[in-house]
Amino acid sequence: MGYEKFEREFPCPCGQGFQVAEWEEHDTWVSGNEGASYRLKCPHCAERLVHFNRWGEQSWVVKQDKEKIDGLEARIRQMEAKVEKLIRELVARHEQPWVDYINRLPNRTAKKSALGAGRGFLKRAVDPAFVEAEARAIIKSDPKWVYEALKLHDTEIDDLSATLQALQQEKRELENSINKIPIPDKRFGFKPFPLPTP
């Protein structure tokens, strides 16, 4: 058992150079197209286009469009970290009310649902200490779940969350609007697509 390296060239979408697929194949199974890396060997496109992967759909996009998306992604990650930190701090102050809320629920099924617990919970939930430990654990592992379940509100968190949603929407709209040139399948190639206008 081992891997073998492969390389295949396809015409560049502009017709003046090549796009090169490189990948490794295991000697007992075939890898999918997502296992390949691509680069442009083209004087016209190598500086203008960059690789873009969205939900497994690979394409070439204009470098400036990718930079805009990368900038939005960085802002989104930064905002997500801020929101998570604030939620974690807020929820930590509500640990005992959360435990009390779980303990007040009428039965084990309601507690399982409120905690988002998995299989095996109902059997072990006959022990109140187990239920309390699970309730306290979820504060640390998923504070957003607790924030929403307790219907907590904090103006700063709400404002940041609204900004975060707006950024995510802006990124989705940008990703949908940019011109994408499909990348060829490493084995079967592709049909030519028009280049984006500069």
C-alpha atoms as a PDB file:
ATOM      1  CA  MET A   1       0.000   0.000   0.000  1.00  0.00           C
ATOM      2  CA  GLY A   2       1.272   3.458  -0.891  1.00  0.00           C
ATOM      3  CA  TYR A   3       0.707   6.703  -2.737  1.00  0.00           C
ATOM      4  CA  GLU A   4       1.698   7.780  -6.221  1.00  0.00           C
ATOM      5  CA  LYS A   5       1.932  11.419  -7.332  1.00  0.00           C
ATOM      6  CA  PHE A   6       0.119  12.548 -10.474  1.00  0.00           C
ATOM      7  CA  GLU A   7       0.089  15.748 -12.480  1.00  0.00           C
ATOM      8  CA  ARG A   8      -2.088  16.743 -15.408  1.00  0.00           C
ATOM      9  CA  GLU A   9      -2.268  19.921 -17.478  1.00  0.00           C
ATOM     10  CA  PHE A  10      -5.415  21.456 -18.917  1.00  0.00           C
ATOM     11  CA  PRO A  11      -5.710  24.501 -21.151  1.00  0.00           C
ATOM     12  CA  CYS A  12      -6.061  27.734 -19.220  1.00  0.00           C
ATOM     13  CA  PRO A  13      -9.521  29.320 -19.565  1.00  0.00           C
ATOM     14  CA  CYS A  14      -7.908  32.176 -21.526  1.00  0.00           C
ATOM     15  CA  GLY A  15      -6.237  29.738 -23.952  1.00  0.00           C
ATOM     16  CA  GLN A  16      -2.736  31.212 -23.440  1.00  0.00           C
ATOM     17  CA  GLY A  17      -1.347  28.836 -20.809  1.00  0.00           C
ATOM     18  CA  PHE A  18      -2.197  25.874 -18.619  1.00  0.00           C
ATOM     19  CA  GLN A  19      -3.873  25.019 -15.358  1.00  0.00           C
ATOM     20  CA  VAL A  20      -2.097  22.189 -13.592  1.00  0.00           C
ATOM     21  CA  ALA A  21      -3.755  19.597 -11.361  1.00  0.00           C
ATOM     22  CA  GLU A  22      -1.524  17.765  -8.865  1.00  0.00           C
ATOM     23  CA  TRP A  23      -2.679  14.960  -6.605  1.00  0.00           C
ATOM     24  CA  GLU A  24      -1.748  11.704  -4.927  1.00  0.00           C
ATOM     25  CA  GLU A  25      -3.503   8.422  -5.595  1.00  0.00           C
ATOM     26  CA  HIS A  26      -3.594   5.560  -3.128  1.00  0.00           C
ATOM     27  CA  ASP A  27      -2.810   2.279  -4.837  1.00  0.00           C
ATOM     28  CA  THR A  28      -5.999   0.627  -3.557  1.00  0.00           C
ATOM     29  CA  TRP A  29      -8.634   3.356  -3.950  1.00  0.00           C
ATOM     30  CA  VAL A  30      -9.294   6.396  -6.088  1.00  0.00           C
ATOM     31  CA  SER A  31      -9.321   9.868  -4.551  1.00  0.00           C
ATOM     32  CA  GLY A  32     -11.989  12.437  -5.380  1.00  0.00           C
ATOM     33  CA  ASN A  33     -11.441  15.667  -7.267  1.00  0.00           C
ATOM     34  CA  GLU A  34     -11.306  17.579  -3.960  1.00  0.00           C
ATOM     35  CA  GLY A  35      -7.971  15.834  -3.254  1.00  0.00           C
ATOM     36  CA  ALA A  36      -6.212  17.753  -6.032  1.00  0.00           C
ATOM     37  CA  SER A  37      -4.382  21.052  -5.794  1.00  0.00           C
ATOM     38  CA  TYR A  38      -4.443  23.413  -8.762  1.00  0.00           C
ATOM     39  CA  ARG A  39      -2.159  26.143 -10.013  1.00  0.00           C
ATOM     40  CA  LEU A  40      -2.019  28.330 -13.090  1.00  0.00           C
ATOM     41  CA  LYS A  41       0.910  28.238 -15.467  1.00  0.00           C
ATOM     42  CA  CYS A  42      -0.209  31.142 -17.595  1.00  0.00           C
ATOM     43  CA  PRO A  43       1.335  34.598 -18.175  1.00  0.00           C
ATOM     44  CA  HIS A  44      -2.111  36.173 -18.532  1.00  0.00           C
ATOM     45  CA  CYS A  45      -3.999  34.563 -15.603  1.00  0.00           C
ATOM     46  CA  ALA A  46      -1.465  33.505 -12.953  1.00  0.00           C
ATOM     47  CA  GLU A  47      -1.361  36.999 -11.396  1.00  0.00           C
ATOM     48  CA  ARG A  48      -5.047  37.754 -11.976  1.00  0.00           C
ATOM     49  CA  LEU A  49      -6.895  34.612 -10.833  1.00  0.00           C
ATOM     50  CA  VAL A  50      -6.721  32.626  -7.591  1.00  0.00           C
ATOM     51  CA  HIS A  51      -8.137  29.355  -6.363  1.00  0.00           C
ATOM     52  CA  PHE A  52     -11.498  29.519  -4.568  1.00  0.00           C
ATOM     53  CA  ASN A  53     -13.197  26.643  -2.756  1.00  0.00           C
ATOM     54  CA  ARG A  54     -16.776  27.024  -1.513  1.00  0.00           C
ATOM     55  CA  TRP A  55     -18.547  23.982  -0.065  1.00  0.00           C
ATOM     56  CA  GLY A  56     -16.353  21.694  -2.175  1.00  0.00           C
ATOM     57  CA  GLU A  57     -17.023  23.625  -5.398  1.00  0.00           C
ATOM     58  CA  GLN A  58     -13.622  24.659  -6.738  1.00  0.00           C
ATOM     59  CA  SER A  59     -13.126  27.504  -9.157  1.00  0.00           C
ATOM     60  CA  TRP A  60     -10.849  30.336 -10.243  1.00  0.00           C
ATOM     61  CA  VAL A  61     -11.882  33.843  -9.219  1.00  0.00           C
ATOM     62  CA  VAL A  62     -10.409  37.304  -9.691  1.00  0.00           C
ATOM     63  CA  LYS A  63      -7.818  37.952  -6.977  1.00  0.00           C
ATOM     64  CA  GLN A  64      -9.492  41.166  -5.762  1.00  0.00           C
ATOM     65  CA  ASP A  65     -12.806  39.315  -5.230  1.00  0.00           C
ATOM     66  CA  LYS A  66     -11.041  36.635  -3.176  1.00  0.00           C
ATOM     67  CA  GLU A  67      -9.302  39.322  -1.111  1.00  0.00           C
ATOM     68  CA  LYS A  68     -12.691  40.922  -0.348  1.00  0.00           C
ATOM     69  CA  ILE A  69     -14.082  37.546   0.746  1.00  0.00           C
ATOM     70  CA  ASP A  70     -11.004  36.841   2.869  1.00  0.00           C
ATOM     71  CA  GLY A  71     -11.376  40.267   4.504  1.00  0.00           C
ATOM     72  CA  LEU A  72     -15.030  39.585   5.336  1.00  0.00           C
ATOM     73  CA  GLU A  73     -14.123  36.132   6.703  1.00  0.00           C
ATOM     74  CA  ALA A  74     -11.498  37.681   8.985  1.00  0.00           C
ATOM     75  CA  ARG A  75     -14.024  40.238  10.280  1.00  0.00           C
ATOM     76  CA  ILE A  76     -16.613  37.460  10.797  1.00  0.00           C
ATOM     77  CA  ARG A  77     -14.148  35.317  12.794  1.00  0.00           C
ATOM     78  CA  GLN A  78     -13.202  38.349  14.901  1.00  0.00           C
ATOM     79  CA  MET A  79     -16.872  39.181  15.570  1.00  0.00           C
ATOM     80  CA  GLU A  80     -17.706  35.541  16.377  1.00  0.00           C
ATOM     81  CA  ALA A  81     -14.887  35.452  18.937  1.00  0.00           C
ATOM     82  CA  LYS A  82     -16.167  38.672  20.574  1.00  0.00           C
ATOM     83  CA  VAL A  83     -19.755  37.403  20.737  1.00  0.00           C
ATOM     84  CA  GLU A  84     -18.658  34.026  22.118  1.00  0.00           C
ATOM     85  CA  LYS A  85     -16.495  35.667  24.794  1.00  0.00           C
ATOM     86  CA  LEU A  86     -19.324  37.957  25.926  1.00  0.00           C
ATOM     87  CA  ILE A  87     -21.857  35.107  25.938  1.00  0.00           C
ATOM     88  CA  ARG A  88     -19.461  32.906  27.913  1.00  0.00           C
ATOM     89  CA  GLU A  89     -18.963  35.645  30.521  1.00  0.00           C
ATOM     90  CA  LEU A  90     -22.700  36.352  30.773  1.00  0.00           C
ATOM     91  CA  VAL A  91     -23.704  32.697  30.981  1.00  0.00           C
ATOM     92  CA  ALA A  92     -21.070  31.984  33.651  1.00  0.00           C
ATOM     93  CA  ARG A  93     -22.960  34.404  35.897  1.00  0.00           C
ATOM     94  CA  HIS A  94     -26.155  32.408  35.277  1.00  0.00           C
ATOM     95  CA  GLU A  95     -24.799  28.942  36.041  1.00  0.00           C
ATOM     96  CA  GLN A  96     -26.932  28.310  39.127  1.00  0.00           C
ATOM     97  CA  PRO A  97     -30.161  29.681  37.579  1.00  0.00           C
ATOM     98  CA  TRP A  98     -29.493  27.353  34.619  1.00  0.00           C
ATOM     99  CA  VAL A  99     -29.044  24.324  36.890  1.00  0.00           C
ATOM    100  CA  ASP A 100     -32.201  25.302  38.790  1.00  0.00           C
ATOM    101  CA  TYR A 101     -34.100  25.669  35.507  1.00  0.00           C
ATOM    102  CA  ILE A 102     -33.053  22.162  34.395  1.00  0.00           C
ATOM    103  CA  ASN A 103     -33.931  20.659  37.787  1.00  0.00           C
ATOM    104  CA  ARG A 104     -37.412  22.252  37.667  1.00  0.00           C
ATOM    105  CA  LEU A 105     -38.287  20.574  34.365  1.00  0.00           C
ATOM    106  CA  PRO A 106     -41.017  17.943  34.892  1.00  0.00           C
ATOM    107  CA  ASN A 107     -39.288  14.807  33.586  1.00  0.00           C
ATOM    108  CA  ARG A 108     -36.125  13.287  32.158  1.00  0.00           C
ATOM    109  CA  THR A 109     -37.293  13.710  28.554  1.00  0.00           C
ATOM    110  CA  ALA A 110     -37.784  17.464  29.053  1.00  0.00           C
ATOM    111  CA  LYS A 111     -34.337  17.686  30.669  1.00  0.00           C
ATOM    112  CA  LYS A 112     -32.767  15.740  27.784  1.00  0.00           C
ATOM    113  CA  SER A 113     -34.365  18.103  25.276  1.00  0.00           C
ATOM    114  CA  ALA A 114     -33.334  21.242  27.208  1.00  0.00           C
ATOM    115  CA  LEU A 115     -29.744  20.019  27.441  1.00  0.00           C
ATOM    116  CA  GLY A 116     -29.587  18.765  23.853  1.00  0.00           C
ATOM    117  CA  ALA A 117     -28.317  15.522  25.349  1.00  0.00           C
ATOM    118  CA  GLY A 118     -27.579  12.427  23.310  1.00  0.00           C
ATOM    119  CA  ARG A 119     -28.264   8.732  23.680  1.00  0.00           C
ATOM    120  CA  GLY A 120     -27.887   7.202  27.106  1.00  0.00           C
ATOM    121  CA  PHE A 121     -29.010  10.351  28.927  1.00  0.00           C
ATOM    122  CA  LEU A 122     -32.463   9.077  29.934  1.00  0.00           C
ATOM    123  CA  LYS A 123     -31.011   5.971  31.567  1.00  0.00           C
ATOM    124  CA  ARG A 124     -28.458   7.924  33.611  1.00  0.00           C
ATOM    125  CA  ALA A 125     -30.760  10.872  34.374  1.00  0.00           C
ATOM    126  CA  VAL A 126     -32.341   9.008  37.307  1.00  0.00           C
ATOM    127  CA  ASP A 127     -29.338  10.320  39.248  1.00  0.00           C
ATOM    128  CA  PRO A 128     -29.855  14.048  40.047  1.00  0.00           C
ATOM    129  CA  ALA A 129     -26.086  14.526  40.435  1.00  0.00           C
ATOM    130  CA  PHE A 130     -25.599  13.336  36.834  1.00  0.00           C
ATOM    131  CA  VAL A 131     -28.221  15.801  35.535  1.00  0.00           C
ATOM    132  CA  GLU A 132     -26.609  18.663  37.457  1.00  0.00           C
ATOM    133  CA  ALA A 133     -23.155  17.748  36.150  1.00  0.00           C
ATOM    134  CA  GLU A 134     -24.516  17.692  32.577  1.00  0.00           C
ATOM    135  CA  ALA A 135     -26.176  21.078  33.074  1.00  0.00           C
ATOM    136  CA  ARG A 136     -22.934  22.583  34.388  1.00  0.00           C
ATOM    137  CA  ALA A 137     -20.905  20.973  31.603  1.00  0.00           C
ATOM    138  CA  ILE A 138     -23.034  22.530  28.871  1.00  0.00           C
ATOM    139  CA  ILE A 139     -22.334  26.000  30.283  1.00  0.00           C
ATOM    140  CA  LYS A 140     -18.693  25.431  29.343  1.00  0.00           C
ATOM    141  CA  SER A 141     -19.164  23.486  26.106  1.00  0.00           C
ATOM    142  CA  ASP A 142     -22.058  25.423  24.533  1.00  0.00           C
ATOM    143  CA  PRO A 143     -22.760  28.738  26.277  1.00  0.00           C
ATOM    144  CA  LYS A 144     -24.803  29.990  23.306  1.00  0.00           C
ATOM    145  CA  TRP A 145     -27.273  27.135  23.858  1.00  0.00           C
ATOM    146  CA  VAL A 146     -27.764  28.268  27.475  1.00  0.00           C
ATOM    147  CA  TYR A 147     -27.981  31.949  26.457  1.00  0.00           C
ATOM    148  CA  GLU A 148     -30.835  31.129  24.062  1.00  0.00           C
ATOM    149  CA  ALA A 149     -32.573  28.608  26.354  1.00  0.00           C
ATOM    150  CA  LEU A 150     -32.695  31.061  29.266  1.00  0.00           C
ATOM    151  CA  LYS A 151     -33.792  33.836  26.873  1.00  0.00           C
ATOM    152  CA  LEU A 152     -31.035  36.069  28.196  1.00  0.00           C
ATOM    153  CA  HIS A 153     -30.605  39.463  26.576  1.00  0.00           C
ATOM    154  CA  ASP A 154     -27.634  41.771  26.515  1.00  0.00           C
ATOM    155  CA  THR A 155     -27.591  44.885  24.347  1.00  0.00           C
ATOM    156  CA  GLU A 156     -23.919  44.561  23.412  1.00  0.00           C
ATOM    157  CA  ILE A 157     -24.320  40.891  22.464  1.00  0.00           C
ATOM    158  CA  ASP A 158     -27.504  41.605  20.511  1.00  0.00           C
ATOM    159  CA  ASP A 159     -25.835  44.474  18.619  1.00  0.00           C
ATOM    160  CA  LEU A 160     -22.718  42.432  17.842  1.00  0.00           C
ATOM    161  CA  SER A 161     -24.875  39.472  16.762  1.00  0.00           C
ATOM    162  CA  ALA A 162     -26.814  41.722  14.376  1.00  0.00           C
ATOM    163  CA  THR A 163     -23.534  43.030  12.927  1.00  0.00           C
ATOM    164  CA  LEU A 164     -22.263  39.465  12.599  1.00  0.00           C
ATOM    165  CA  GLN A 165     -25.397  38.377  10.720  1.00  0.00           C
ATOM    166  CA  ALA A 166     -25.054  41.369   8.375  1.00  0.00           C
ATOM    167  CA  LEU A 167     -21.409  40.449   7.644  1.00  0.00           C
ATOM    168  CA  GLN A 168     -22.345  36.820   6.995  1.00  0.00           C
ATOM    169  CA  GLN A 169     -25.091  37.931   4.622  1.00  0.00           C
ATOM    170  CA  GLU A 170     -22.699  40.307   2.842  1.00  0.00           C
ATOM    171  CA  LYS A 171     -20.202  37.471   2.404  1.00  0.00           C
ATOM    172  CA  ARG A 172     -22.885  35.096   1.031  1.00  0.00           C
ATOM    173  CA  GLU A 173     -24.077  37.726  -1.440  1.00  0.00           C
ATOM    174  CA  LEU A 174     -20.518  38.477  -2.557  1.00  0.00           C
ATOM    175  CA  GLU A 175     -19.732  34.768  -3.012  1.00  0.00           C
ATOM    176  CA  ASN A 176     -22.887  34.343  -5.077  1.00  0.00           C
ATOM    177  CA  SER A 177     -22.256  37.414  -7.217  1.00  0.00           C
ATOM    178  CA  ILE A 178     -18.612  36.945  -8.205  1.00  0.00           C
ATOM    179  CA  ASN A 179     -17.737  35.334 -11.511  1.00  0.00           C
ATOM    180  CA  LYS A 180     -16.412  31.806 -10.950  1.00  0.00           C
ATOM    181  CA  ILE A 181     -14.536  29.825 -13.576  1.00  0.00           C
ATOM    182  CA  PRO A 182     -15.001  26.120 -12.803  1.00  0.00           C
ATOM    183  CA  ILE A 183     -11.851  24.113 -12.240  1.00  0.00           C
ATOM    184  CA  PRO A 184     -11.562  21.000 -14.378  1.00  0.00           C
ATOM    185  CA  ASP A 185     -11.957  17.532 -12.979  1.00  0.00           C
ATOM    186  CA  LYS A 186      -8.439  16.191 -12.642  1.00  0.00           C
ATOM    187  CA  ARG A 187      -9.274  13.186 -14.821  1.00  0.00           C
ATOM    188  CA  PHE A 188     -11.943  14.343 -17.247  1.00  0.00           C
ATOM    189  CA  GLY A 189     -11.162  17.993 -17.918  1.00  0.00           C
ATOM    190  CA  PHE A 190     -13.731  20.714 -18.450  1.00  0.00           C
ATOM    191  CA  LYS A 191     -15.635  22.763 -20.995  1.00  0.00           C
ATOM    192  CA  PRO A 192     -14.219  26.246 -21.605  1.00  0.00           C
ATOM    193  CA  PHE A 193     -15.905  29.109 -19.774  1.00  0.00           C
ATOM    194  CA  PRO A 194     -15.626  32.823 -20.534  1.00  0.00           C
ATOM    195  CA  LEU A 195     -13.101  34.806 -18.530  1.00  0.00           C
ATOM    196  CA  PRO A 196     -14.334  37.569 -16.216  1.00  0.00           C
ATOM    197  CA  THR A 197     -13.860  41.024 -17.651  1.00  0.00           C
ATOM    198  CA  PRO A 198     -11.183  43.097 -15.859  1.00  0.00           C
END
